[in-house]
Amino acid sequence: MGSNLIDALFIFMLACFIGFEVIRHVSPLLHTPLMSLTNALDAIAVVGAIVLVGERKSAFATVLGVIAIIAATSNVVGGFLITDRMLKMFKSSRPVKK
């Protein structure tokens, strides 16, 4: 069991490092599409957490699932608010000519 935990931690740390490096090198023009993509991935996490809570394997798993649902949902909502705010920055403040 100790070996599996070490392997999982290594993969997690490697994924964090690679994700940080990829996002750090994204140009500012691509941040809005990247945020939209992460919102979609967070929505998948919400659905997965709902499925896990629905299984009701144990009380501890149910509590962790509810916490995961709350955290992922707040991340999705916050991501959409930030994306909307970023898109408003690109809109022109000049009146449209007809």
C-alpha atoms as a PDB file:
ATOM      1  CA  MET A   1       0.000   0.000   0.000  1.00  0.00           C
ATOM      2  CA  GLY A   2       2.897   2.378   0.716  1.00  0.00           C
ATOM      3  CA  SER A   3       4.259   1.944  -2.788  1.00  0.00           C
ATOM      4  CA  ASN A   4       0.887   2.842  -4.341  1.00  0.00           C
ATOM      5  CA  LEU A   5       0.698   6.000  -2.238  1.00  0.00           C
ATOM      6  CA  ILE A   6       4.213   7.050  -3.255  1.00  0.00           C
ATOM      7  CA  ASP A   7       3.381   6.393  -6.922  1.00  0.00           C
ATOM      8  CA  ALA A   8       0.154   8.397  -6.676  1.00  0.00           C
ATOM      9  CA  LEU A   9       1.930  11.319  -4.969  1.00  0.00           C
ATOM     10  CA  PHE A  10       4.652  11.269  -7.620  1.00  0.00           C
ATOM     11  CA  ILE A  11       2.082  11.375 -10.435  1.00  0.00           C
ATOM     12  CA  PHE A  12       0.185  14.163  -8.668  1.00  0.00           C
ATOM     13  CA  MET A  13       3.342  16.257  -8.210  1.00  0.00           C
ATOM     14  CA  LEU A  14       4.382  15.664 -11.814  1.00  0.00           C
ATOM     15  CA  ALA A  15       0.919  16.670 -13.083  1.00  0.00           C
ATOM     16  CA  CYS A  16       0.993  19.839 -10.941  1.00  0.00           C
ATOM     17  CA  PHE A  17       4.420  20.809 -12.251  1.00  0.00           C
ATOM     18  CA  ILE A  18       3.541  20.157 -15.899  1.00  0.00           C
ATOM     19  CA  GLY A  19       0.201  21.977 -15.558  1.00  0.00           C
ATOM     20  CA  PHE A  20       1.881  24.981 -13.951  1.00  0.00           C
ATOM     21  CA  GLU A  21       4.522  25.157 -16.690  1.00  0.00           C
ATOM     22  CA  VAL A  22       1.962  24.833 -19.491  1.00  0.00           C
ATOM     23  CA  ILE A  23      -0.318  27.543 -18.088  1.00  0.00           C
ATOM     24  CA  ARG A  24       2.606  29.849 -17.302  1.00  0.00           C
ATOM     25  CA  HIS A  25       3.679  29.865 -20.946  1.00  0.00           C
ATOM     26  CA  VAL A  26       0.215  30.613 -22.399  1.00  0.00           C
ATOM     27  CA  SER A  27      -0.062  33.998 -24.086  1.00  0.00           C
ATOM     28  CA  PRO A  28      -2.560  36.468 -22.566  1.00  0.00           C
ATOM     29  CA  LEU A  29      -4.804  36.219 -25.650  1.00  0.00           C
ATOM     30  CA  LEU A  30      -5.445  32.555 -24.929  1.00  0.00           C
ATOM     31  CA  HIS A  31      -6.352  32.901 -21.253  1.00  0.00           C
ATOM     32  CA  THR A  32     -10.098  33.267 -21.900  1.00  0.00           C
ATOM     33  CA  PRO A  33     -10.387  30.076 -24.009  1.00  0.00           C
ATOM     34  CA  LEU A  34      -8.201  28.291 -21.476  1.00  0.00           C
ATOM     35  CA  MET A  35     -10.532  29.388 -18.661  1.00  0.00           C
ATOM     36  CA  SER A  36     -13.513  28.082 -20.636  1.00  0.00           C
ATOM     37  CA  LEU A  37     -11.783  24.732 -21.029  1.00  0.00           C
ATOM     38  CA  THR A  38     -11.034  24.482 -17.317  1.00  0.00           C
ATOM     39  CA  ASN A  39     -14.666  25.319 -16.551  1.00  0.00           C
ATOM     40  CA  ALA A  40     -15.714  22.364 -18.707  1.00  0.00           C
ATOM     41  CA  LEU A  41     -13.259  20.092 -16.888  1.00  0.00           C
ATOM     42  CA  ASP A  42     -14.562  21.296 -13.527  1.00  0.00           C
ATOM     43  CA  ALA A  43     -18.087  20.480 -14.661  1.00  0.00           C
ATOM     44  CA  ILE A  44     -16.914  16.918 -15.323  1.00  0.00           C
ATOM     45  CA  ALA A  45     -15.547  16.841 -11.759  1.00  0.00           C
ATOM     46  CA  VAL A  46     -18.959  17.911 -10.440  1.00  0.00           C
ATOM     47  CA  VAL A  47     -20.692  15.095 -12.323  1.00  0.00           C
ATOM     48  CA  GLY A  48     -18.114  12.576 -11.080  1.00  0.00           C
ATOM     49  CA  ALA A  49     -18.566  13.723  -7.492  1.00  0.00           C
ATOM     50  CA  ILE A  50     -22.350  13.421  -7.810  1.00  0.00           C
ATOM     51  CA  VAL A  51     -21.973   9.854  -9.087  1.00  0.00           C
ATOM     52  CA  LEU A  52     -19.682   8.974  -6.174  1.00  0.00           C
ATOM     53  CA  VAL A  53     -22.065  10.450  -3.618  1.00  0.00           C
ATOM     54  CA  GLY A  54     -24.927   8.511  -5.192  1.00  0.00           C
ATOM     55  CA  GLU A  55     -23.147   5.209  -4.580  1.00  0.00           C
ATOM     56  CA  ARG A  56     -23.277   5.700  -0.766  1.00  0.00           C
ATOM     57  CA  LYS A  57     -20.477   3.228  -0.071  1.00  0.00           C
ATOM     58  CA  SER A  58     -19.759   4.717   3.352  1.00  0.00           C
ATOM     59  CA  ALA A  59     -20.602   7.794   5.400  1.00  0.00           C
ATOM     60  CA  PHE A  60     -17.032   9.077   5.054  1.00  0.00           C
ATOM     61  CA  ALA A  61     -17.123   8.736   1.250  1.00  0.00           C
ATOM     62  CA  THR A  62     -20.478  10.532   1.151  1.00  0.00           C
ATOM     63  CA  VAL A  63     -19.154  13.440   3.235  1.00  0.00           C
ATOM     64  CA  LEU A  64     -16.037  13.719   1.045  1.00  0.00           C
ATOM     65  CA  GLY A  65     -18.246  13.578  -2.051  1.00  0.00           C
ATOM     66  CA  VAL A  66     -20.452  16.396  -0.803  1.00  0.00           C
ATOM     67  CA  ILE A  67     -17.366  18.490  -0.062  1.00  0.00           C
ATOM     68  CA  ALA A  68     -16.089  17.720  -3.579  1.00  0.00           C
ATOM     69  CA  ILE A  69     -19.415  18.774  -5.094  1.00  0.00           C
ATOM     70  CA  ILE A  70     -19.376  22.069  -3.187  1.00  0.00           C
ATOM     71  CA  ALA A  71     -15.745  22.799  -4.060  1.00  0.00           C
ATOM     72  CA  ALA A  72     -16.078  21.912  -7.756  1.00  0.00           C
ATOM     73  CA  THR A  73     -19.353  23.826  -8.119  1.00  0.00           C
ATOM     74  CA  SER A  74     -17.871  26.954  -6.557  1.00  0.00           C
ATOM     75  CA  ASN A  75     -14.894  26.577  -8.898  1.00  0.00           C
ATOM     76  CA  VAL A  76     -17.194  26.339 -11.943  1.00  0.00           C
ATOM     77  CA  VAL A  77     -19.270  29.362 -10.893  1.00  0.00           C
ATOM     78  CA  GLY A  78     -16.168  31.416 -10.080  1.00  0.00           C
ATOM     79  CA  GLY A  79     -14.565  30.422 -13.370  1.00  0.00           C
ATOM     80  CA  PHE A  80     -17.593  31.527 -15.358  1.00  0.00           C
ATOM     81  CA  LEU A  81     -17.723  34.841 -13.498  1.00  0.00           C
ATOM     82  CA  ILE A  82     -14.042  35.461 -14.185  1.00  0.00           C
ATOM     83  CA  THR A  83     -14.394  34.466 -17.844  1.00  0.00           C
ATOM     84  CA  ASP A  84     -17.365  36.806 -18.242  1.00  0.00           C
ATOM     85  CA  ARG A  85     -15.411  39.629 -16.640  1.00  0.00           C
ATOM     86  CA  MET A  86     -12.429  38.983 -18.935  1.00  0.00           C
ATOM     87  CA  LEU A  87     -14.665  38.973 -22.024  1.00  0.00           C
ATOM     88  CA  LYS A  88     -16.194  42.303 -20.980  1.00  0.00           C
ATOM     89  CA  MET A  89     -12.687  43.805 -20.947  1.00  0.00           C
ATOM     90  CA  PHE A  90     -12.359  43.044 -24.678  1.00  0.00           C
ATOM     91  CA  LYS A  91     -15.657  44.688 -25.632  1.00  0.00           C
ATOM     92  CA  SER A  92     -15.461  48.113 -27.189  1.00  0.00           C
ATOM     93  CA  SER A  93     -16.884  50.997 -25.180  1.00  0.00           C
ATOM     94  CA  ARG A  94     -17.570  52.989 -28.367  1.00  0.00           C
ATOM     95  CA  PRO A  95     -21.140  53.132 -29.675  1.00  0.00           C
ATOM     96  CA  VAL A  96     -21.847  50.850 -32.625  1.00  0.00           C
ATOM     97  CA  LYS A  97     -22.345  52.662 -35.970  1.00  0.00           C
ATOM     98  CA  LYS A  98     -25.520  51.795 -37.865  1.00  0.00           C
END
